[in-house]
Amino acid sequence: MEKNWVAFFSQTGSEICEIAEKLDRWPDLIITNHRPEHLRTIDKRIPQDRLKWTKNKPEIQEYRWLLENYSDAILTLHGWLRIMPEEICERFSIFNGHPGLITEYPELKGKDPQIRAFEGKYPVAGAVLHRVVAGVDEGKVLMEERFNAWNLELDELFHILKDRSIFMWCSFLKKVL
């Protein structure tokens, strides 16, 4: 029996779309937060009948309400720019993809690690998939992909990181859903 899948995003949601297309399965519920329109454009492939909105900074009651019918769900974060509340982390299996090789460079935890790695001329770049706890990129790393980053342009770095992240997500979700 398939598990329910709930995906969260704060930016475009394009990663969710690419994963769903490769898996031939959409999340049962997709959650995003209201943000100023100038900060993002939501991918038009996202099925509107599965999309639910939260406040920009959701409170615990909102998480409870949105997830009340998904107690057995796997939750995935795809550019969700909020820290999940401890209560939600304890009740659900939650996983996050992070485009920074925090196993080697813990200073890349947090927002925009790929830009910091590029500007810092890190010789190796990568992405990780980790469990979510109520802290910024603090949970146990389950998978990682790494590659040589010497002489890459920023666009190339972004492209490779996205490709590696989607590969990890698909491999992982095929096992757990």
Protein backbone atom coordinates (compact mmCIF):
# COMPACT_ATOMS: atom_id res chain seq x y z
CA MET A 1 0.00 0.00 0.00
CA GLU A 2 1.32 3.42 -0.92
CA LYS A 3 1.98 5.92 1.84
CA ASN A 4 0.58 9.41 1.64
CA TRP A 5 3.05 12.05 0.54
CA VAL A 6 2.88 15.73 1.53
CA ALA A 7 5.34 18.14 -0.07
CA PHE A 8 6.14 21.67 1.13
CA PHE A 9 7.74 24.53 -0.81
CA SER A 10 8.27 28.28 -0.41
CA GLN A 11 9.84 29.11 -3.76
CA THR A 12 8.68 27.84 -7.19
CA GLY A 13 7.77 24.20 -6.58
CA SER A 14 9.59 23.16 -9.77
CA GLU A 15 11.57 20.48 -7.93
CA ILE A 16 8.32 18.85 -6.80
CA CYS A 17 7.07 18.91 -10.39
CA GLU A 18 10.20 17.27 -11.76
CA ILE A 19 10.18 14.58 -9.07
CA ALA A 20 6.46 13.91 -9.59
CA GLU A 21 6.93 13.56 -13.34
CA LYS A 22 9.86 11.13 -12.91
CA LEU A 23 7.95 9.06 -10.32
CA ASP A 24 4.68 9.31 -12.23
CA ARG A 25 3.06 10.28 -8.95
CA TRP A 26 2.10 13.63 -7.49
CA PRO A 27 2.13 14.34 -3.77
CA ASP A 28 -1.27 13.83 -2.18
CA LEU A 29 -1.02 17.34 -0.75
CA ILE A 30 1.26 20.24 -1.68
CA ILE A 31 1.66 23.09 0.79
CA THR A 32 3.14 26.50 0.17
CA ASN A 33 3.19 29.74 2.11
CA HIS A 34 2.01 33.17 1.01
CA ARG A 35 5.00 35.29 0.07
CA PRO A 36 5.28 38.61 -1.72
CA GLU A 37 4.67 38.04 -5.47
CA HIS A 38 7.95 39.71 -6.46
CA LEU A 39 9.85 36.95 -4.62
CA ARG A 40 8.64 34.03 -6.73
CA THR A 41 6.57 32.55 -9.49
CA ILE A 42 4.89 29.22 -8.78
CA ASP A 43 5.40 26.47 -11.36
CA LYS A 44 2.22 26.13 -13.44
CA ARG A 45 2.51 22.32 -13.49
CA ILE A 46 1.48 22.09 -9.83
CA PRO A 47 -2.05 20.64 -9.65
CA GLN A 48 -4.20 23.34 -8.10
CA ASP A 49 -6.56 20.78 -6.56
CA ARG A 50 -3.69 19.49 -4.39
CA LEU A 51 -2.26 22.90 -3.44
CA LYS A 52 -2.99 24.45 -0.03
CA TRP A 53 -1.72 27.77 1.27
CA THR A 54 -0.46 28.86 4.69
CA LYS A 55 0.39 32.25 6.10
CA ASN A 56 3.90 33.38 5.23
CA LYS A 57 5.00 32.22 8.69
CA PRO A 58 2.55 29.45 9.64
CA GLU A 59 1.69 28.81 13.26
CA ILE A 60 1.42 25.34 14.78
CA GLN A 61 -2.39 25.35 14.51
CA GLU A 62 -2.12 25.77 10.74
CA TYR A 63 0.23 22.79 10.43
CA ARG A 64 -2.13 20.69 12.59
CA TRP A 65 -5.14 21.64 10.47
CA LEU A 66 -3.44 21.02 7.12
CA LEU A 67 -2.02 17.65 8.20
CA GLU A 68 -4.97 16.31 10.22
CA ASN A 69 -5.92 13.78 7.50
CA TYR A 70 -2.32 12.76 6.76
CA SER A 71 -1.12 11.20 10.03
CA ASP A 72 0.74 8.40 8.18
CA ALA A 73 2.27 10.66 5.52
CA ILE A 74 5.87 11.12 4.51
CA LEU A 75 6.55 14.89 4.50
CA THR A 76 9.16 16.33 2.15
CA LEU A 77 10.59 19.84 2.05
CA HIS A 78 11.64 21.38 -1.27
CA GLY A 79 12.86 24.88 -0.59
CA TRP A 80 10.50 25.26 2.40
CA LEU A 81 12.01 28.33 4.01
CA ARG A 82 10.56 27.76 7.46
CA ILE A 83 11.71 25.72 10.45
CA MET A 84 9.24 22.92 11.12
CA PRO A 85 7.79 23.07 14.65
CA GLU A 86 9.12 20.46 17.08
CA GLU A 87 5.66 18.95 17.55
CA ILE A 88 5.34 18.31 13.80
CA CYS A 89 8.88 16.88 13.64
CA GLU A 90 7.98 14.44 16.40
CA ARG A 91 4.68 13.35 14.82
CA PHE A 92 5.82 12.86 11.21
CA SER A 93 8.67 11.44 9.16
CA ILE A 94 10.00 14.59 7.50
CA PHE A 95 12.84 14.85 5.00
CA ASN A 96 14.61 17.80 3.41
CA GLY A 97 16.83 18.17 0.38
CA HIS A 98 19.65 20.65 0.88
CA PRO A 99 21.90 21.94 -1.94
CA GLY A 100 24.98 22.22 0.25
CA LEU A 101 27.43 19.51 1.20
CA ILE A 102 26.90 19.96 4.95
CA THR A 103 28.59 16.62 5.70
CA GLU A 104 31.89 18.22 4.69
CA TYR A 105 31.09 21.91 5.13
CA PRO A 106 28.70 22.39 8.10
CA GLU A 107 28.91 26.15 7.55
CA LEU A 108 26.70 25.64 4.47
CA LYS A 109 23.62 24.97 6.59
CA GLY A 110 20.83 27.45 5.97
CA LYS A 111 19.64 29.43 2.98
CA ASP A 112 21.46 29.70 -0.37
CA PRO A 113 24.42 27.38 0.37
CA GLN A 114 25.17 26.97 -3.32
CA ILE A 115 25.91 30.69 -3.66
CA ARG A 116 28.10 30.64 -0.55
CA ALA A 117 29.98 27.57 -1.85
CA PHE A 118 30.47 29.24 -5.23
CA GLU A 119 31.65 32.53 -3.77
CA GLY A 120 33.93 30.66 -1.35
CA LYS A 121 35.43 28.67 -4.24
CA TYR A 122 34.79 25.35 -2.51
CA PRO A 123 36.58 22.56 -4.42
CA VAL A 124 33.80 20.03 -3.85
CA ALA A 125 30.08 20.71 -3.99
CA GLY A 126 27.10 18.51 -3.34
CA ALA A 127 23.62 18.04 -2.02
CA VAL A 128 22.21 16.01 0.86
CA LEU A 129 18.91 14.49 1.85
CA HIS A 130 18.37 14.55 5.61
CA ARG A 131 15.77 13.96 8.30
CA VAL A 132 14.15 17.09 9.61
CA VAL A 133 14.36 18.15 13.23
CA ALA A 134 13.33 21.48 14.72
CA GLY A 135 16.57 23.21 13.71
CA VAL A 136 18.17 24.42 10.50
CA ASP A 137 19.58 21.45 8.55
CA GLU A 138 20.42 19.62 11.79
CA GLY A 139 18.87 16.19 11.14
CA LYS A 140 20.70 12.98 10.25
CA VAL A 141 21.97 12.92 6.66
CA LEU A 142 20.59 9.88 4.81
CA MET A 143 22.03 10.42 1.32
CA GLU A 144 24.58 12.70 -0.31
CA GLU A 145 25.82 13.40 -3.81
CA ARG A 146 29.16 15.17 -4.30
CA PHE A 147 31.14 16.37 -7.30
CA ASN A 148 34.17 18.41 -8.28
CA ALA A 149 33.21 22.10 -8.37
CA TRP A 150 36.44 23.58 -9.73
CA ASN A 151 35.93 25.98 -12.63
CA LEU A 152 32.14 25.69 -12.67
CA GLU A 153 30.06 28.75 -13.44
CA LEU A 154 27.26 29.51 -10.98
CA ASP A 155 24.58 28.38 -13.46
CA GLU A 156 26.41 25.07 -13.97
CA LEU A 157 26.63 24.57 -10.21
CA PHE A 158 22.89 25.20 -9.81
CA HIS A 159 22.09 22.81 -12.68
CA ILE A 160 24.23 19.96 -11.32
CA LEU A 161 22.93 20.42 -7.77
CA LYS A 162 19.33 20.32 -8.96
CA ASP A 163 19.98 17.22 -11.06
CA ARG A 164 21.67 15.42 -8.15
CA SER A 165 18.92 16.45 -5.74
CA ILE A 166 16.18 15.14 -8.02
CA PHE A 167 18.10 11.87 -8.43
CA MET A 168 18.34 11.47 -4.63
CA TRP A 169 14.69 12.36 -4.09
CA CYS A 170 13.50 9.85 -6.70
CA SER A 171 15.70 7.07 -5.30
CA PHE A 172 14.56 7.78 -1.77
CA LEU A 173 10.85 8.21 -2.49
CA LYS A 174 10.68 4.99 -4.52
CA LYS A 175 11.76 3.18 -1.35
CA VAL A 176 9.54 4.92 1.22
CA LEU A 177 6.26 5.64 -0.57
